[in-house]
Amino acid sequence: MVPLNLRLGTDLVFMPRYQKHLDNPIFLKRILTENEQAIYNKLKLDSRKLEFICGRYAAKEAYAKAMGKGMGVLDFLDFEVLMDESGKPISNPNTEISISHDGDYTIAVVIVCGEV
């Protein structure tokens, strides 16, 4: 049996801080990959757009923490968070992601699994 190396990262985002970025193409291109931008652009409600931005932001920060690196070492575009057919956030095969929203907050938890 091969021992596995599990790495955990979490991040909490205060959503009102990102409200001003909903229509900011420079910010969106800095944090969202082209595939994520395509999903974002299909969203109609500003409330859903805000949840999407904050969820991706938190997930990418959590991923950087799980990898033991900061966002200065990793770039927001280095990690892509898409959705499966049921809307569950997904990324690469060795990563599990959970994103949750409540009131003014979004939290993301990322577990990265790799062989030692």
PDB file of N, CA and C in Angstrom:
ATOM      1  N   MET A   1       0.835  -1.181   0.000  1.00  0.00           N
ATOM      2  CA  MET A   1       0.000   0.000   0.000  1.00  0.00           C
ATOM      3  C   MET A   1       0.881   1.248   0.000  1.00  0.00           C
ATOM      4  N   VAL A   2       0.561   2.197  -0.865  1.00  0.00           N
ATOM      5  CA  VAL A   2       1.328   3.434  -0.980  1.00  0.00           C
ATOM      6  C   VAL A   2       0.723   4.470  -0.040  1.00  0.00           C
ATOM      7  N   PRO A   3       1.533   5.050   0.871  1.00  0.00           N
ATOM      8  CA  PRO A   3       0.988   6.084   1.748  1.00  0.00           C
ATOM      9  C   PRO A   3       0.617   7.323   0.942  1.00  0.00           C
ATOM     10  N   LEU A   4      -0.484   7.955   1.322  1.00  0.00           N
ATOM     11  CA  LEU A   4      -0.953   9.146   0.622  1.00  0.00           C
ATOM     12  C   LEU A   4      -0.619  10.392   1.427  1.00  0.00           C
ATOM     13  N   ASN A   5      -0.384  11.450   0.721  1.00  0.00           N
ATOM     14  CA  ASN A   5      -0.102  12.734   1.327  1.00  0.00           C
ATOM     15  C   ASN A   5      -1.331  13.613   1.120  1.00  0.00           C
ATOM     16  N   LEU A   6      -2.075  13.876   2.179  1.00  0.00           N
ATOM     17  CA  LEU A   6      -3.251  14.746   2.102  1.00  0.00           C
ATOM     18  C   LEU A   6      -2.868  16.139   2.575  1.00  0.00           C
ATOM     19  N   ARG A   7      -3.250  17.133   1.794  1.00  0.00           N
ATOM     20  CA  ARG A   7      -2.987  18.524   2.155  1.00  0.00           C
ATOM     21  C   ARG A   7      -4.313  19.263   2.161  1.00  0.00           C
ATOM     22  N   LEU A   8      -4.530  20.051   3.198  1.00  0.00           N
ATOM     23  CA  LEU A   8      -5.794  20.754   3.399  1.00  0.00           C
ATOM     24  C   LEU A   8      -5.574  22.252   3.370  1.00  0.00           C
ATOM     25  N   GLY A   9      -6.471  22.955   2.696  1.00  0.00           N
ATOM     26  CA  GLY A   9      -6.456  24.417   2.706  1.00  0.00           C
ATOM     27  C   GLY A   9      -7.874  24.924   2.836  1.00  0.00           C
ATOM     28  N   THR A  10      -8.037  26.053   3.502  1.00  0.00           N
ATOM     29  CA  THR A  10      -9.357  26.669   3.650  1.00  0.00           C
ATOM     30  C   THR A  10      -9.219  28.182   3.546  1.00  0.00           C
ATOM     31  N   ASP A  11     -10.285  28.831   3.096  1.00  0.00           N
ATOM     32  CA  ASP A  11     -10.271  30.287   3.015  1.00  0.00           C
ATOM     33  C   ASP A  11     -11.690  30.812   3.207  1.00  0.00           C
ATOM     34  N   LEU A  12     -11.782  31.953   3.861  1.00  0.00           N
ATOM     35  CA  LEU A  12     -13.051  32.618   4.139  1.00  0.00           C
ATOM     36  C   LEU A  12     -13.026  33.990   3.481  1.00  0.00           C
ATOM     37  N   VAL A  13     -14.087  34.330   2.749  1.00  0.00           N
ATOM     38  CA  VAL A  13     -14.164  35.598   2.025  1.00  0.00           C
ATOM     39  C   VAL A  13     -15.383  36.386   2.512  1.00  0.00           C
ATOM     40  N   PHE A  14     -15.175  37.685   2.761  1.00  0.00           N
ATOM     41  CA  PHE A  14     -16.258  38.607   3.088  1.00  0.00           C
ATOM     42  C   PHE A  14     -16.779  39.167   1.767  1.00  0.00           C
ATOM     43  N   MET A  15     -17.940  38.696   1.338  1.00  0.00           N
ATOM     44  CA  MET A  15     -18.429  38.951  -0.012  1.00  0.00           C
ATOM     45  C   MET A  15     -18.651  40.431  -0.350  1.00  0.00           C
ATOM     46  N   PRO A  16     -19.154  41.280   0.563  1.00  0.00           N
ATOM     47  CA  PRO A  16     -19.354  42.682   0.176  1.00  0.00           C
ATOM     48  C   PRO A  16     -18.090  43.375  -0.336  1.00  0.00           C
ATOM     49  N   ARG A  17     -16.928  42.901   0.067  1.00  0.00           N
ATOM     50  CA  ARG A  17     -15.660  43.479  -0.388  1.00  0.00           C
ATOM     51  C   ARG A  17     -15.480  43.309  -1.900  1.00  0.00           C
ATOM     52  N   TYR A  18     -16.152  42.315  -2.495  1.00  0.00           N
ATOM     53  CA  TYR A  18     -15.961  42.008  -3.915  1.00  0.00           C
ATOM     54  C   TYR A  18     -17.108  42.501  -4.801  1.00  0.00           C
ATOM     55  N   GLN A  19     -18.122  43.108  -4.208  1.00  0.00           N
ATOM     56  CA  GLN A  19     -19.282  43.609  -4.955  1.00  0.00           C
ATOM     57  C   GLN A  19     -18.848  44.558  -6.074  1.00  0.00           C
ATOM     58  N   LYS A  20     -17.874  45.404  -5.792  1.00  0.00           N
ATOM     59  CA  LYS A  20     -17.427  46.409  -6.766  1.00  0.00           C
ATOM     60  C   LYS A  20     -16.734  45.805  -7.985  1.00  0.00           C
ATOM     61  N   HIS A  21     -16.383  44.519  -7.920  1.00  0.00           N
ATOM     62  CA  HIS A  21     -15.643  43.876  -9.007  1.00  0.00           C
ATOM     63  C   HIS A  21     -16.525  43.116  -9.996  1.00  0.00           C
ATOM     64  N   LEU A  22     -17.838  43.124  -9.805  1.00  0.00           N
ATOM     65  CA  LEU A  22     -18.721  42.340 -10.666  1.00  0.00           C
ATOM     66  C   LEU A  22     -18.562  42.682 -12.144  1.00  0.00           C
ATOM     67  N   ASP A  23     -18.348  43.938 -12.447  1.00  0.00           N
ATOM     68  CA  ASP A  23     -18.232  44.363 -13.840  1.00  0.00           C
ATOM     69  C   ASP A  23     -16.838  44.890 -14.164  1.00  0.00           C
ATOM     70  N   ASN A  24     -15.837  44.441 -13.416  1.00  0.00           N
ATOM     71  CA  ASN A  24     -14.465  44.896 -13.611  1.00  0.00           C
ATOM     72  C   ASN A  24     -13.702  43.839 -14.420  1.00  0.00           C
ATOM     73  N   PRO A  25     -13.562  44.045 -15.740  1.00  0.00           N
ATOM     74  CA  PRO A  25     -12.931  43.023 -16.578  1.00  0.00           C
ATOM     75  C   PRO A  25     -11.473  42.751 -16.206  1.00  0.00           C
ATOM     76  N   ILE A  26     -10.765  43.730 -15.707  1.00  0.00           N
ATOM     77  CA  ILE A  26      -9.366  43.520 -15.316  1.00  0.00           C
ATOM     78  C   ILE A  26      -9.299  42.558 -14.131  1.00  0.00           C
ATOM     79  N   PHE A  27     -10.142  42.782 -13.128  1.00  0.00           N
ATOM     80  CA  PHE A  27     -10.178  41.892 -11.963  1.00  0.00           C
ATOM     81  C   PHE A  27     -10.610  40.488 -12.370  1.00  0.00           C
ATOM     82  N   LEU A  28     -11.664  40.399 -13.174  1.00  0.00           N
ATOM     83  CA  LEU A  28     -12.176  39.090 -13.592  1.00  0.00           C
ATOM     84  C   LEU A  28     -11.132  38.297 -14.364  1.00  0.00           C
ATOM     85  N   LYS A  29     -10.378  38.946 -15.247  1.00  0.00           N
ATOM     86  CA  LYS A  29      -9.328  38.258 -16.007  1.00  0.00           C
ATOM     87  C   LYS A  29      -8.156  37.859 -15.119  1.00  0.00           C
ATOM     88  N   ARG A  30      -7.974  38.568 -14.007  1.00  0.00           N
ATOM     89  CA  ARG A  30      -6.875  38.247 -13.089  1.00  0.00           C
ATOM     90  C   ARG A  30      -7.176  37.019 -12.246  1.00  0.00           C
ATOM     91  N   ILE A  31      -8.474  36.794 -11.908  1.00  0.00           N
ATOM     92  CA  ILE A  31      -8.783  35.670 -11.013  1.00  0.00           C
ATOM     93  C   ILE A  31      -9.507  34.508 -11.681  1.00  0.00           C
ATOM     94  N   LEU A  32     -10.125  34.732 -12.846  1.00  0.00           N
ATOM     95  CA  LEU A  32     -10.890  33.666 -13.505  1.00  0.00           C
ATOM     96  C   LEU A  32     -10.211  33.217 -14.789  1.00  0.00           C
ATOM     97  N   THR A  33     -10.096  31.904 -14.969  1.00  0.00           N
ATOM     98  CA  THR A  33      -9.598  31.371 -16.233  1.00  0.00           C
ATOM     99  C   THR A  33     -10.632  31.644 -17.323  1.00  0.00           C
ATOM    100  N   GLU A  34     -10.276  31.404 -18.559  1.00  0.00           N
ATOM    101  CA  GLU A  34     -11.228  31.614 -19.660  1.00  0.00           C
ATOM    102  C   GLU A  34     -12.475  30.747 -19.490  1.00  0.00           C
ATOM    103  N   ASN A  35     -12.300  29.490 -19.066  1.00  0.00           N
ATOM    104  CA  ASN A  35     -13.456  28.604 -18.851  1.00  0.00           C
ATOM    105  C   ASN A  35     -14.338  29.114 -17.713  1.00  0.00           C
ATOM    106  N   GLU A  36     -13.719  29.611 -16.654  1.00  0.00           N
ATOM    107  CA  GLU A  36     -14.496  30.164 -15.535  1.00  0.00           C
ATOM    108  C   GLU A  36     -15.220  31.439 -15.962  1.00  0.00           C
ATOM    109  N   GLN A  37     -14.561  32.260 -16.772  1.00  0.00           N
ATOM    110  CA  GLN A  37     -15.202  33.479 -17.272  1.00  0.00           C
ATOM    111  C   GLN A  37     -16.429  33.145 -18.123  1.00  0.00           C
ATOM    112  N   ALA A  38     -16.344  32.074 -18.905  1.00  0.00           N
ATOM    113  CA  ALA A  38     -17.487  31.665 -19.736  1.00  0.00           C
ATOM    114  C   ALA A  38     -18.682  31.304 -18.859  1.00  0.00           C
ATOM    115  N   ILE A  39     -18.427  30.606 -17.761  1.00  0.00           N
ATOM    116  CA  ILE A  39     -19.507  30.271 -16.822  1.00  0.00           C
ATOM    117  C   ILE A  39     -20.054  31.544 -16.192  1.00  0.00           C
ATOM    118  N   TYR A  40     -19.162  32.406 -15.732  1.00  0.00           N
ATOM    119  CA  TYR A  40     -19.542  33.658 -15.076  1.00  0.00           C
ATOM    120  C   TYR A  40     -20.430  34.501 -15.996  1.00  0.00           C
ATOM    121  N   ASN A  41     -20.051  34.595 -17.253  1.00  0.00           N
ATOM    122  CA  ASN A  41     -20.784  35.444 -18.202  1.00  0.00           C
ATOM    123  C   ASN A  41     -22.187  34.925 -18.501  1.00  0.00           C
ATOM    124  N   LYS A  42     -22.469  33.676 -18.201  1.00  0.00           N
ATOM    125  CA  LYS A  42     -23.808  33.125 -18.399  1.00  0.00           C
ATOM    126  C   LYS A  42     -24.741  33.411 -17.217  1.00  0.00           C
ATOM    127  N   LEU A  43     -24.169  33.828 -16.101  1.00  0.00           N
ATOM    128  CA  LEU A  43     -24.973  34.098 -14.909  1.00  0.00           C
ATOM    129  C   LEU A  43     -25.745  35.394 -15.091  1.00  0.00           C
ATOM    130  N   LYS A  44     -26.995  35.409 -14.674  1.00  0.00           N
ATOM    131  CA  LYS A  44     -27.859  36.571 -14.876  1.00  0.00           C
ATOM    132  C   LYS A  44     -27.937  37.474 -13.647  1.00  0.00           C
ATOM    133  N   LEU A  45     -28.050  36.889 -12.474  1.00  0.00           N
ATOM    134  CA  LEU A  45     -28.255  37.665 -11.251  1.00  0.00           C
ATOM    135  C   LEU A  45     -26.931  38.122 -10.652  1.00  0.00           C
ATOM    136  N   ASP A  46     -26.874  39.387 -10.224  1.00  0.00           N
ATOM    137  CA  ASP A  46     -25.671  39.902  -9.577  1.00  0.00           C
ATOM    138  C   ASP A  46     -25.345  39.120  -8.310  1.00  0.00           C
ATOM    139  N   SER A  47     -26.361  38.676  -7.595  1.00  0.00           N
ATOM    140  CA  SER A  47     -26.113  37.907  -6.371  1.00  0.00           C
ATOM    141  C   SER A  47     -25.403  36.594  -6.690  1.00  0.00           C
ATOM    142  N   ARG A  48     -25.773  35.961  -7.773  1.00  0.00           N
ATOM    143  CA  ARG A  48     -25.122  34.707  -8.180  1.00  0.00           C
ATOM    144  C   ARG A  48     -23.708  34.962  -8.696  1.00  0.00           C
ATOM    145  N   LYS A  49     -23.533  36.082  -9.425  1.00  0.00           N
ATOM    146  CA  LYS A  49     -22.199  36.452  -9.902  1.00  0.00           C
ATOM    147  C   LYS A  49     -21.258  36.686  -8.724  1.00  0.00           C
ATOM    148  N   LEU A  50     -21.763  37.362  -7.695  1.00  0.00           N
ATOM    149  CA  LEU A  50     -20.949  37.625  -6.512  1.00  0.00           C
ATOM    150  C   LEU A  50     -20.566  36.321  -5.819  1.00  0.00           C
ATOM    151  N   GLU A  51     -21.516  35.409  -5.680  1.00  0.00           N
ATOM    152  CA  GLU A  51     -21.204  34.105  -5.095  1.00  0.00           C
ATOM    153  C   GLU A  51     -20.148  33.374  -5.919  1.00  0.00           C
ATOM    154  N   PHE A  52     -20.270  33.438  -7.225  1.00  0.00           N
ATOM    155  CA  PHE A  52     -19.329  32.748  -8.113  1.00  0.00           C
ATOM    156  C   PHE A  52     -17.922  33.310  -7.944  1.00  0.00           C
ATOM    157  N   ILE A  53     -17.783  34.637  -8.022  1.00  0.00           N
ATOM    158  CA  ILE A  53     -16.468  35.268  -7.871  1.00  0.00           C
ATOM    159  C   ILE A  53     -15.860  34.906  -6.517  1.00  0.00           C
ATOM    160  N   CYS A  54     -16.636  35.063  -5.459  1.00  0.00           N
ATOM    161  CA  CYS A  54     -16.124  34.810  -4.112  1.00  0.00           C
ATOM    162  C   CYS A  54     -15.796  33.338  -3.904  1.00  0.00           C
ATOM    163  N   GLY A  55     -16.595  32.454  -4.468  1.00  0.00           N
ATOM    164  CA  GLY A  55     -16.321  31.027  -4.352  1.00  0.00           C
ATOM    165  C   GLY A  55     -15.029  30.646  -5.048  1.00  0.00           C
ATOM    166  N   ARG A  56     -14.818  31.173  -6.248  1.00  0.00           N
ATOM    167  CA  ARG A  56     -13.584  30.870  -6.976  1.00  0.00           C
ATOM    168  C   ARG A  56     -12.382  31.483  -6.270  1.00  0.00           C
ATOM    169  N   TYR A  57     -12.536  32.708  -5.804  1.00  0.00           N
ATOM    170  CA  TYR A  57     -11.445  33.372  -5.098  1.00  0.00           C
ATOM    171  C   TYR A  57     -11.047  32.563  -3.859  1.00  0.00           C
ATOM    172  N   ALA A  58     -12.036  32.187  -3.052  1.00  0.00           N
ATOM    173  CA  ALA A  58     -11.760  31.419  -1.828  1.00  0.00           C
ATOM    174  C   ALA A  58     -11.151  30.056  -2.156  1.00  0.00           C
ATOM    175  N   ALA A  59     -11.660  29.386  -3.189  1.00  0.00           N
ATOM    176  CA  ALA A  59     -11.137  28.061  -3.551  1.00  0.00           C
ATOM    177  C   ALA A  59      -9.682  28.151  -4.004  1.00  0.00           C
ATOM    178  N   LYS A  60      -9.348  29.184  -4.747  1.00  0.00           N
ATOM    179  CA  LYS A  60      -7.983  29.332  -5.227  1.00  0.00           C
ATOM    180  C   LYS A  60      -7.027  29.673  -4.083  1.00  0.00           C
ATOM    181  N   GLU A  61      -7.484  30.501  -3.147  1.00  0.00           N
ATOM    182  CA  GLU A  61      -6.684  30.790  -1.956  1.00  0.00           C
ATOM    183  C   GLU A  61      -6.497  29.511  -1.127  1.00  0.00           C
ATOM    184  N   ALA A  62      -7.568  28.743  -0.972  1.00  0.00           N
ATOM    185  CA  ALA A  62      -7.487  27.493  -0.209  1.00  0.00           C
ATOM    186  C   ALA A  62      -6.540  26.510  -0.880  1.00  0.00           C
ATOM    187  N   TYR A  63      -6.572  26.450  -2.203  1.00  0.00           N
ATOM    188  CA  TYR A  63      -5.661  25.568  -2.936  1.00  0.00           C
ATOM    189  C   TYR A  63      -4.208  25.977  -2.689  1.00  0.00           C
ATOM    190  N   ALA A  64      -3.935  27.264  -2.757  1.00  0.00           N
ATOM    191  CA  ALA A  64      -2.571  27.745  -2.516  1.00  0.00           C
ATOM    192  C   ALA A  64      -2.108  27.358  -1.111  1.00  0.00           C
ATOM    193  N   LYS A  65      -2.996  27.466  -0.137  1.00  0.00           N
ATOM    194  CA  LYS A  65      -2.657  27.080   1.234  1.00  0.00           C
ATOM    195  C   LYS A  65      -2.409  25.578   1.331  1.00  0.00           C
ATOM    196  N   ALA A  66      -3.229  24.799   0.648  1.00  0.00           N
ATOM    197  CA  ALA A  66      -3.043  23.348   0.667  1.00  0.00           C
ATOM    198  C   ALA A  66      -1.700  22.962   0.046  1.00  0.00           C
ATOM    199  N   MET A  67      -1.275  23.721  -0.929  1.00  0.00           N
ATOM    200  CA  MET A  67      -0.009  23.436  -1.596  1.00  0.00           C
ATOM    201  C   MET A  67       1.180  23.999  -0.817  1.00  0.00           C
ATOM    202  N   GLY A  68       0.891  24.724   0.264  1.00  0.00           N
ATOM    203  CA  GLY A  68       1.966  25.300   1.078  1.00  0.00           C
ATOM    204  C   GLY A  68       2.622  26.499   0.432  1.00  0.00           C
ATOM    205  N   LYS A  69       1.877  27.176  -0.427  1.00  0.00           N
ATOM    206  CA  LYS A  69       2.403  28.339  -1.150  1.00  0.00           C
ATOM    207  C   LYS A  69       1.409  29.479  -1.012  1.00  0.00           C
ATOM    208  N   GLY A  70       1.868  30.674  -1.219  1.00  0.00           N
ATOM    209  CA  GLY A  70       0.974  31.819  -1.209  1.00  0.00           C
ATOM    210  C   GLY A  70       0.560  32.203  -2.611  1.00  0.00           C
ATOM    211  N   MET A  71      -0.368  33.143  -2.705  1.00  0.00           N
ATOM    212  CA  MET A  71      -0.815  33.583  -4.015  1.00  0.00           C
ATOM    213  C   MET A  71       0.247  34.417  -4.725  1.00  0.00           C
ATOM    214  N   GLY A  72       1.342  34.753  -4.070  1.00  0.00           N
ATOM    215  CA  GLY A  72       2.454  35.388  -4.757  1.00  0.00           C
ATOM    216  C   GLY A  72       3.264  34.375  -5.550  1.00  0.00           C
ATOM    217  N   VAL A  73       3.279  33.136  -5.062  1.00  0.00           N
ATOM    218  CA  VAL A  73       4.000  32.055  -5.744  1.00  0.00           C
ATOM    219  C   VAL A  73       3.098  31.442  -6.815  1.00  0.00           C
ATOM    220  N   LEU A  74       1.867  31.145  -6.430  1.00  0.00           N
ATOM    221  CA  LEU A  74       0.875  30.649  -7.388  1.00  0.00           C
ATOM    222  C   LEU A  74       0.069  31.833  -7.904  1.00  0.00           C
ATOM    223  N   ASP A  75      -0.474  31.678  -9.075  1.00  0.00           N
ATOM    224  CA  ASP A  75      -1.327  32.693  -9.679  1.00  0.00           C
ATOM    225  C   ASP A  75      -2.763  32.179  -9.640  1.00  0.00           C
ATOM    226  N   PHE A  76      -3.726  33.070  -9.597  1.00  0.00           N
ATOM    227  CA  PHE A  76      -5.127  32.654  -9.591  1.00  0.00           C
ATOM    228  C   PHE A  76      -5.476  31.812 -10.816  1.00  0.00           C
ATOM    229  N   LEU A  77      -4.766  32.007 -11.904  1.00  0.00           N
ATOM    230  CA  LEU A  77      -5.064  31.269 -13.128  1.00  0.00           C
ATOM    231  C   LEU A  77      -4.400  29.897 -13.157  1.00  0.00           C
ATOM    232  N   ASP A  78      -3.591  29.579 -12.137  1.00  0.00           N
ATOM    233  CA  ASP A  78      -2.936  28.267 -12.054  1.00  0.00           C
ATOM    234  C   ASP A  78      -3.886  27.160 -11.611  1.00  0.00           C
ATOM    235  N   PHE A  79      -5.035  27.532 -11.069  1.00  0.00           N
ATOM    236  CA  PHE A  79      -5.983  26.558 -10.516  1.00  0.00           C
ATOM    237  C   PHE A  79      -7.369  26.898 -11.046  1.00  0.00           C
ATOM    238  N   GLU A  80      -7.984  25.948 -11.720  1.00  0.00           N
ATOM    239  CA  GLU A  80      -9.288  26.183 -12.339  1.00  0.00           C
ATOM    240  C   GLU A  80     -10.363  25.399 -11.594  1.00  0.00           C
ATOM    241  N   VAL A  81     -11.476  26.074 -11.309  1.00  0.00           N
ATOM    242  CA  VAL A  81     -12.598  25.430 -10.630  1.00  0.00           C
ATOM    243  C   VAL A  81     -13.797  25.476 -11.569  1.00  0.00           C
ATOM    244  N   LEU A  82     -14.154  24.315 -12.089  1.00  0.00           N
ATOM    245  CA  LEU A  82     -15.319  24.206 -12.968  1.00  0.00           C
ATOM    246  C   LEU A  82     -16.446  23.544 -12.189  1.00  0.00           C
ATOM    247  N   MET A  83     -17.454  23.058 -12.882  1.00  0.00           N
ATOM    248  CA  MET A  83     -18.580  22.392 -12.220  1.00  0.00           C
ATOM    249  C   MET A  83     -18.937  21.126 -12.978  1.00  0.00           C
ATOM    250  N   ASP A  84     -19.355  20.103 -12.231  1.00  0.00           N
ATOM    251  CA  ASP A  84     -19.876  18.923 -12.912  1.00  0.00           C
ATOM    252  C   ASP A  84     -21.334  19.182 -13.281  1.00  0.00           C
ATOM    253  N   GLU A  85     -21.994  18.185 -13.852  1.00  0.00           N
ATOM    254  CA  GLU A  85     -23.372  18.372 -14.332  1.00  0.00           C
ATOM    255  C   GLU A  85     -24.368  18.722 -13.227  1.00  0.00           C
ATOM    256  N   SER A  86     -24.039  18.410 -11.978  1.00  0.00           N
ATOM    257  CA  SER A  86     -24.941  18.747 -10.870  1.00  0.00           C
ATOM    258  C   SER A  86     -24.595  20.084 -10.219  1.00  0.00           C
ATOM    259  N   GLY A  87     -23.521  20.738 -10.678  1.00  0.00           N
ATOM    260  CA  GLY A  87     -23.118  22.024 -10.123  1.00  0.00           C
ATOM    261  C   GLY A  87     -22.026  21.940  -9.073  1.00  0.00           C
ATOM    262  N   LYS A  88     -21.573  20.713  -8.762  1.00  0.00           N
ATOM    263  CA  LYS A  88     -20.504  20.522  -7.774  1.00  0.00           C
ATOM    264  C   LYS A  88     -19.198  21.085  -8.314  1.00  0.00           C
ATOM    265  N   PRO A  89     -18.467  21.874  -7.509  1.00  0.00           N
ATOM    266  CA  PRO A  89     -17.175  22.373  -7.979  1.00  0.00           C
ATOM    267  C   PRO A  89     -16.172  21.235  -8.153  1.00  0.00           C
ATOM    268  N   ILE A  90     -15.468  21.269  -9.275  1.00  0.00           N
ATOM    269  CA  ILE A  90     -14.464  20.236  -9.573  1.00  0.00           C
ATOM    270  C   ILE A  90     -13.206  20.903 -10.114  1.00  0.00           C
ATOM    271  N   SER A  91     -12.092  20.192  -9.981  1.00  0.00           N
ATOM    272  CA  SER A  91     -10.826  20.645 -10.550  1.00  0.00           C
ATOM    273  C   SER A  91     -10.070  19.433 -11.044  1.00  0.00           C
ATOM    274  N   ASN A  92      -8.776  19.348 -10.737  1.00  0.00           N
ATOM    275  CA  ASN A  92      -8.019  18.204 -11.227  1.00  0.00           C
ATOM    276  C   ASN A  92      -8.374  16.943 -10.438  1.00  0.00           C
ATOM    277  N   PRO A  93      -8.016  15.777 -10.952  1.00  0.00           N
ATOM    278  CA  PRO A  93      -8.439  14.507 -10.332  1.00  0.00           C
ATOM    279  C   PRO A  93      -7.952  14.297  -8.897  1.00  0.00           C
ATOM    280  N   ASN A  94      -6.884  14.959  -8.487  1.00  0.00           N
ATOM    281  CA  ASN A  94      -6.355  14.754  -7.137  1.00  0.00           C
ATOM    282  C   ASN A  94      -6.842  15.801  -6.142  1.00  0.00           C
ATOM    283  N   THR A  95      -7.885  16.515  -6.493  1.00  0.00           N
ATOM    284  CA  THR A  95      -8.358  17.622  -5.652  1.00  0.00           C
ATOM    285  C   THR A  95      -9.845  17.495  -5.380  1.00  0.00           C
ATOM    286  N   GLU A  96     -10.207  17.700  -4.124  1.00  0.00           N
ATOM    287  CA  GLU A  96     -11.618  17.791  -3.725  1.00  0.00           C
ATOM    288  C   GLU A  96     -11.874  19.209  -3.247  1.00  0.00           C
ATOM    289  N   ILE A  97     -13.004  19.781  -3.654  1.00  0.00           N
ATOM    290  CA  ILE A  97     -13.336  21.168  -3.330  1.00  0.00           C
ATOM    291  C   ILE A  97     -14.743  21.232  -2.767  1.00  0.00           C
ATOM    292  N   SER A  98     -14.911  22.036  -1.736  1.00  0.00           N
ATOM    293  CA  SER A  98     -16.240  22.357  -1.227  1.00  0.00           C
ATOM    294  C   SER A  98     -16.319  23.867  -1.060  1.00  0.00           C
ATOM    295  N   ILE A  99     -17.383  24.466  -1.583  1.00  0.00           N
ATOM    296  CA  ILE A  99     -17.612  25.904  -1.482  1.00  0.00           C
ATOM    297  C   ILE A  99     -19.000  26.102  -0.880  1.00  0.00           C
ATOM    298  N   SER A 100     -19.089  26.999   0.102  1.00  0.00           N
ATOM    299  CA  SER A 100     -20.376  27.266   0.738  1.00  0.00           C
ATOM    300  C   SER A 100     -20.538  28.762   0.965  1.00  0.00           C
ATOM    301  N   HIS A 101     -21.779  29.224   0.845  1.00  0.00           N
ATOM    302  CA  HIS A 101     -22.107  30.639   1.039  1.00  0.00           C
ATOM    303  C   HIS A 101     -23.145  30.749   2.150  1.00  0.00           C
ATOM    304  N   ASP A 102     -22.969  31.765   3.015  1.00  0.00           N
ATOM    305  CA  ASP A 102     -23.951  32.035   4.061  1.00  0.00           C
ATOM    306  C   ASP A 102     -23.888  33.522   4.394  1.00  0.00           C
ATOM    307  N   GLY A 103     -24.980  34.209   4.142  1.00  0.00           N
ATOM    308  CA  GLY A 103     -25.009  35.646   4.422  1.00  0.00           C
ATOM    309  C   GLY A 103     -23.946  36.369   3.621  1.00  0.00           C
ATOM    310  N   ASP A 104     -23.068  37.083   4.317  1.00  0.00           N
ATOM    311  CA  ASP A 104     -22.011  37.860   3.678  1.00  0.00           C
ATOM    312  C   ASP A 104     -20.717  37.092   3.485  1.00  0.00           C
ATOM    313  N   TYR A 105     -20.728  35.782   3.736  1.00  0.00           N
ATOM    314  CA  TYR A 105     -19.475  35.028   3.720  1.00  0.00           C
ATOM    315  C   TYR A 105     -19.512  33.840   2.756  1.00  0.00           C
ATOM    316  N   THR A 106     -18.338  33.574   2.207  1.00  0.00           N
ATOM    317  CA  THR A 106     -18.104  32.378   1.401  1.00  0.00           C
ATOM    318  C   THR A 106     -16.906  31.662   2.003  1.00  0.00           C
ATOM    319  N   ILE A 107     -17.018  30.346   2.131  1.00  0.00           N
ATOM    320  CA  ILE A 107     -15.897  29.542   2.605  1.00  0.00           C
ATOM    321  C   ILE A 107     -15.600  28.465   1.573  1.00  0.00           C
ATOM    322  N   ALA A 108     -14.330  28.168   1.417  1.00  0.00           N
ATOM    323  CA  ALA A 108     -13.915  27.079   0.526  1.00  0.00           C
ATOM    324  C   ALA A 108     -12.917  26.207   1.264  1.00  0.00           C
ATOM    325  N   VAL A 109     -13.052  24.912   1.049  1.00  0.00           N
ATOM    326  CA  VAL A 109     -12.128  23.926   1.596  1.00  0.00           C
ATOM    327  C   VAL A 109     -11.617  23.107   0.420  1.00  0.00           C
ATOM    328  N   VAL A 110     -10.301  22.926   0.377  1.00  0.00           N
ATOM    329  CA  VAL A 110      -9.671  22.152  -0.682  1.00  0.00           C
ATOM    330  C   VAL A 110      -8.794  21.079  -0.048  1.00  0.00           C
ATOM    331  N   ILE A 111      -8.947  19.863  -0.521  1.00  0.00           N
ATOM    332  CA  ILE A 111      -8.076  18.767  -0.124  1.00  0.00           C
ATOM    333  C   ILE A 111      -7.353  18.298  -1.373  1.00  0.00           C
ATOM    334  N   VAL A 112      -6.025  18.264  -1.283  1.00  0.00           N
ATOM    335  CA  VAL A 112      -5.201  17.787  -2.385  1.00  0.00           C
ATOM    336  C   VAL A 112      -4.585  16.465  -1.922  1.00  0.00           C
ATOM    337  N   CYS A 113      -4.741  15.447  -2.748  1.00  0.00           N
ATOM    338  CA  CYS A 113      -4.233  14.122  -2.418  1.00  0.00           C
ATOM    339  C   CYS A 113      -3.152  13.754  -3.425  1.00  0.00           C
ATOM    340  N   GLY A 114      -2.021  13.345  -2.912  1.00  0.00           N
ATOM    341  CA  GLY A 114      -0.943  12.929  -3.800  1.00  0.00           C
ATOM    342  C   GLY A 114      -0.098  11.867  -3.121  1.00  0.00           C
ATOM    343  N   GLU A 115       0.559  11.051  -3.918  1.00  0.00           N
ATOM    344  CA  GLU A 115       1.430  10.013  -3.361  1.00  0.00           C
ATOM    345  C   GLU A 115       2.667  10.634  -2.748  1.00  0.00           C
ATOM    346  N   VAL A 116       3.132  10.013  -1.636  1.00  0.00           N
ATOM    347  CA  VAL A 116       4.358  10.470  -0.973  1.00  0.00           C
ATOM    348  C   VAL A 116       5.548  10.007  -1.765  1.00  0.00           C
TER     349      VAL A 116
END
